[in-house]
């Protein structure tokens, strides 16, 4: 409980629950109209009971009944520590701190206008955390699961080499960058397997007799350099 993310976000989660509760109390106190019924000194108990039934039966239970010559004032905080958006801003701030602790950024959790460039940088941070988490998870599986499963099922390997479980996505260049490199560096002698391009584009190579789209590239003899 004292290690990892638990210690970092446990207090944020606790304080967020308190802020959410206070926000609910605030909305109940100042976000719902309050009905006040007033009676004078000449009213009888029957009159007061009738007034109370009218106050309590109309639009919920948030109502009260006071003597006519008595003032009951509800003061709504307008600014400062008791502003109506204090709880909302506090909850958003706690959410941002939790996102920073878990994801290392807030660009993918709290979208804001005009933050495309910042979100790309945040994405890089998220990928770094993803690689680190995948590496730790793979190490845990290999040490605490794979080795034991092999030993219990087949016995320890004679050569001492166990299967290795790997988790994570390959660090590949975007398809647009790959195609641009082929277009520009292909004439310079760069060679790439066609199967790799098909795999990256998630398409299957055509078979003999299939109808295809595109033209066969024409091979040209290289022009000798001038002397």
Protein backbone atom coordinates (compact mmCIF):
# COMPACT_ATOMS: atom_id res chain seq x y z
CA UNK A 1 0.00 0.00 0.00
CA UNK A 2 2.95 2.35 0.53
CA UNK A 3 4.55 1.69 -2.83
CA UNK A 4 3.68 2.42 -6.43
CA UNK A 5 0.73 4.60 -7.33
CA UNK A 6 -1.32 3.85 -4.22
CA UNK A 7 0.55 6.25 -1.96
CA UNK A 8 0.53 8.95 -4.63
CA UNK A 9 -3.18 9.00 -5.37
CA UNK A 10 -4.85 7.68 -2.21
CA UNK A 11 -5.10 11.14 -0.64
CA UNK A 12 -6.27 12.68 -3.90
CA UNK A 13 -9.08 10.12 -4.05
CA UNK A 14 -9.98 10.76 -0.41
CA UNK A 15 -10.03 14.54 -0.75
CA UNK A 16 -12.02 14.26 -3.98
CA UNK A 17 -14.73 12.32 -2.12
CA UNK A 18 -14.86 15.06 0.54
CA UNK A 19 -15.04 17.80 -2.12
CA UNK A 20 -17.77 15.91 -3.97
CA UNK A 21 -19.77 15.61 -0.75
CA UNK A 22 -19.31 19.32 0.03
CA UNK A 23 -20.34 20.15 -3.52
CA UNK A 24 -23.53 18.16 -3.06
CA UNK A 25 -24.27 19.96 0.21
CA UNK A 26 -23.64 23.30 -1.49
CA UNK A 27 -25.99 22.49 -4.37
CA UNK A 28 -28.66 21.34 -1.95
CA UNK A 29 -28.36 24.52 0.10
CA UNK A 30 -27.96 27.15 -2.62
CA UNK A 31 -28.87 25.46 -5.91
CA UNK A 32 -32.47 24.60 -5.05
CA UNK A 33 -35.14 27.28 -4.41
CA UNK A 34 -36.14 27.52 -0.75
CA UNK A 35 -39.79 28.08 0.15
CA UNK A 36 -40.44 30.18 3.25
CA UNK A 37 -43.95 30.38 4.70
CA UNK A 38 -44.71 33.24 7.11
CA UNK A 39 -47.50 33.46 9.68
CA UNK A 40 -48.51 36.28 12.00
CA UNK A 41 -49.28 36.18 15.73
CA UNK A 42 -53.05 35.97 15.15
CA UNK A 43 -52.79 32.64 13.27
CA UNK A 44 -54.12 29.54 14.98
CA UNK A 45 -52.51 26.13 15.20
CA UNK A 46 -54.78 24.95 12.41
CA UNK A 47 -53.64 27.82 10.20
CA UNK A 48 -50.02 27.00 10.90
CA UNK A 49 -50.55 23.32 10.14
CA UNK A 50 -52.18 24.23 6.86
CA UNK A 51 -49.29 26.55 5.99
CA UNK A 52 -46.76 23.87 6.88
CA UNK A 53 -48.50 21.32 4.66
CA UNK A 54 -48.43 23.80 1.80
CA UNK A 55 -44.73 24.50 2.34
CA UNK A 56 -43.71 20.85 2.68
CA UNK A 57 -45.85 19.45 -0.15
CA UNK A 58 -44.78 21.87 -2.90
CA UNK A 59 -41.72 20.86 -4.97
CA UNK A 60 -39.78 18.72 -2.55
CA UNK A 61 -38.91 18.99 1.10
CA UNK A 62 -36.62 22.04 1.18
CA UNK A 63 -38.89 24.47 3.01
CA UNK A 64 -39.44 26.13 6.37
CA UNK A 65 -42.04 28.07 8.31
CA UNK A 66 -41.32 31.13 10.46
CA UNK A 67 -43.32 33.92 12.15
CA UNK A 68 -44.13 36.84 9.88
CA UNK A 69 -42.12 39.30 11.94
CA UNK A 70 -39.01 37.07 11.88
CA UNK A 71 -36.36 37.26 9.14
CA UNK A 72 -34.61 34.21 7.71
CA UNK A 73 -31.84 35.06 5.28
CA UNK A 74 -29.87 32.70 3.03
CA UNK A 75 -26.50 34.23 2.17
CA UNK A 76 -24.95 32.70 -0.95
CA UNK A 77 -21.18 33.09 -1.20
CA UNK A 78 -20.25 34.97 -4.34
CA UNK A 79 -16.45 35.00 -4.30
CA UNK A 80 -13.51 33.85 -2.27
CA UNK A 81 -13.30 30.53 -0.49
CA UNK A 82 -17.03 29.90 -0.69
CA UNK A 83 -17.53 30.58 -4.41
CA UNK A 84 -19.99 28.33 -6.18
CA UNK A 85 -17.25 26.84 -8.41
CA UNK A 86 -14.74 26.18 -5.63
CA UNK A 87 -15.66 22.52 -5.28
CA UNK A 88 -15.69 21.98 -9.04
CA UNK A 89 -12.25 23.55 -9.47
CA UNK A 90 -10.89 21.51 -6.57
CA UNK A 91 -12.20 18.25 -8.03
CA UNK A 92 -10.74 19.07 -11.45
CA UNK A 93 -7.39 19.90 -9.87
CA UNK A 94 -7.34 16.59 -7.98
CA UNK A 95 -8.23 14.73 -11.17
CA UNK A 96 -5.34 16.41 -12.98
CA UNK A 97 -2.88 15.41 -10.25
CA UNK A 98 -4.12 11.82 -10.44
CA UNK A 99 -3.73 11.83 -14.23
CA UNK A 100 -0.18 13.10 -13.90
CA UNK A 101 0.67 10.35 -11.41
CA UNK A 102 -0.89 7.54 -13.47
CA UNK A 103 -0.36 8.68 -17.08
CA UNK A 104 2.33 11.33 -16.67
CA UNK A 105 0.21 13.91 -18.49
CA UNK A 106 -3.27 15.42 -18.71
CA UNK A 107 -3.55 15.99 -22.46
CA UNK A 108 -5.40 12.75 -23.19
CA UNK A 109 -7.75 12.97 -20.21
CA UNK A 110 -8.69 16.68 -20.11
CA UNK A 111 -9.08 17.94 -23.67
CA UNK A 112 -8.74 21.68 -24.13
CA UNK A 113 -9.02 23.84 -27.20
CA UNK A 114 -5.76 24.61 -28.96
CA UNK A 115 -3.66 21.96 -27.21
CA UNK A 116 -2.90 19.67 -30.18
CA UNK A 117 0.86 20.33 -30.02
CA UNK A 118 0.89 19.83 -26.27
CA UNK A 119 -1.12 16.61 -26.58
CA UNK A 120 1.48 15.20 -28.98
CA UNK A 121 4.17 15.84 -26.37
CA UNK A 122 1.97 14.32 -23.67
CA UNK A 123 1.50 11.26 -25.87
CA UNK A 124 5.28 10.72 -25.88
CA UNK A 125 5.28 10.75 -22.08
CA UNK A 126 2.41 8.28 -22.04
CA UNK A 127 4.30 5.95 -24.37
CA UNK A 128 7.34 6.05 -22.07
CA UNK A 129 5.19 5.00 -19.11
CA UNK A 130 3.56 2.33 -21.28
CA UNK A 131 6.93 0.82 -22.15
CA UNK A 132 8.03 0.88 -18.52
CA UNK A 133 4.82 -0.78 -17.29
CA UNK A 134 5.00 -3.43 -20.02
CA UNK A 135 8.62 -4.21 -19.14
CA UNK A 136 7.82 -4.57 -15.44
CA UNK A 137 4.78 -6.74 -16.16
CA UNK A 138 6.74 -9.01 -18.50
CA UNK A 139 9.50 -9.36 -15.90
CA UNK A 140 6.94 -10.30 -13.24
CA UNK A 141 5.32 -12.93 -15.48
CA UNK A 142 8.66 -14.48 -16.40
CA UNK A 143 9.86 -14.63 -12.80
CA UNK A 144 6.66 -15.67 -11.02
CA UNK A 145 4.56 -17.52 -13.60
CA UNK A 146 6.40 -18.82 -16.65
CA UNK A 147 9.25 -20.44 -14.74
CA UNK A 148 6.90 -22.18 -12.29
CA UNK A 149 4.56 -23.41 -15.04
CA UNK A 150 7.45 -24.97 -16.97
CA UNK A 151 8.95 -26.56 -13.86
CA UNK A 152 5.64 -28.05 -12.70
CA UNK A 153 4.56 -29.25 -16.16
CA UNK A 154 7.77 -30.41 -17.83
CA UNK A 155 10.53 -30.06 -15.25
CA UNK A 156 13.45 -27.64 -15.37
CA UNK A 157 14.97 -27.35 -18.87
CA UNK A 158 18.21 -29.20 -19.36
CA UNK A 159 19.92 -26.14 -20.82
CA UNK A 160 18.45 -23.81 -18.18
CA UNK A 161 16.72 -21.60 -20.77
CA UNK A 162 13.04 -20.83 -20.14
CA UNK A 163 10.52 -19.33 -22.56
CA UNK A 164 10.35 -15.56 -22.34
CA UNK A 165 7.05 -13.68 -22.35
CA UNK A 166 7.27 -10.22 -23.87
CA UNK A 167 4.60 -7.52 -23.57
CA UNK A 168 4.42 -4.27 -25.48
CA UNK A 169 4.06 -2.82 -28.92
CA UNK A 170 7.02 -2.63 -31.31
CA UNK A 171 8.62 0.77 -31.61
CA UNK A 172 7.78 1.30 -35.27
CA UNK A 173 7.87 4.40 -37.40
CA UNK A 174 4.51 5.72 -38.64
CA UNK A 175 3.32 4.38 -42.00
CA UNK A 176 3.48 7.87 -43.53
CA UNK A 177 7.14 8.19 -42.55
CA UNK A 178 7.87 4.72 -43.95
CA UNK A 179 6.21 5.48 -47.29
CA UNK A 180 8.00 8.83 -47.53
CA UNK A 181 11.32 7.09 -46.91
CA UNK A 182 10.59 4.53 -49.65
CA UNK A 183 9.70 7.27 -52.13
CA UNK A 184 12.75 9.37 -51.40
CA UNK A 185 15.37 6.77 -50.56
CA UNK A 186 14.20 4.02 -52.92
CA UNK A 187 15.84 5.63 -55.96
CA UNK A 188 19.01 5.99 -53.87
CA UNK A 189 19.27 2.26 -53.31
CA UNK A 190 17.15 1.66 -50.18
CA UNK A 191 15.62 -1.81 -50.21
CA UNK A 192 12.66 -2.91 -48.07
CA UNK A 193 10.88 -6.24 -48.11
CA UNK A 194 7.48 -6.05 -49.75
CA UNK A 195 6.06 -8.36 -47.06
CA UNK A 196 6.94 -5.83 -44.38
CA UNK A 197 5.11 -3.08 -46.25
CA UNK A 198 2.06 -5.30 -46.67
CA UNK A 199 2.12 -6.10 -42.95
CA UNK A 200 2.44 -2.46 -41.93
CA UNK A 201 -0.40 -1.48 -44.26
CA UNK A 202 -2.50 -4.39 -42.94
CA UNK A 203 -3.20 -5.74 -46.44
CA UNK A 204 -2.50 -9.12 -48.03
CA UNK A 205 -0.21 -9.50 -51.04
CA UNK A 206 -2.11 -10.32 -54.27
CA UNK A 207 -2.13 -13.87 -55.53
CA UNK A 208 -1.73 -15.05 -59.10
CA UNK A 209 -4.82 -14.09 -61.08
CA UNK A 210 -6.11 -11.50 -58.61
CA UNK A 211 -7.33 -8.19 -59.97
CA UNK A 212 -4.94 -5.54 -58.74
CA UNK A 213 -4.83 -1.77 -58.64
CA UNK A 214 -1.68 0.05 -59.65
CA UNK A 215 0.98 -0.27 -62.30
CA UNK A 216 4.18 -2.22 -62.45
CA UNK A 217 7.13 0.11 -61.84
CA UNK A 218 9.39 0.46 -64.85
CA UNK A 219 13.01 -0.34 -64.21
CA UNK A 220 15.46 2.20 -65.57
CA UNK A 221 19.15 1.90 -65.96
CA UNK A 222 21.07 4.15 -63.64
CA UNK A 223 22.58 7.19 -65.37
CA UNK A 224 26.38 7.10 -65.04
CA UNK A 225 27.79 10.09 -63.22
CA UNK A 226 29.40 12.77 -65.38
CA UNK A 227 33.15 12.68 -65.73
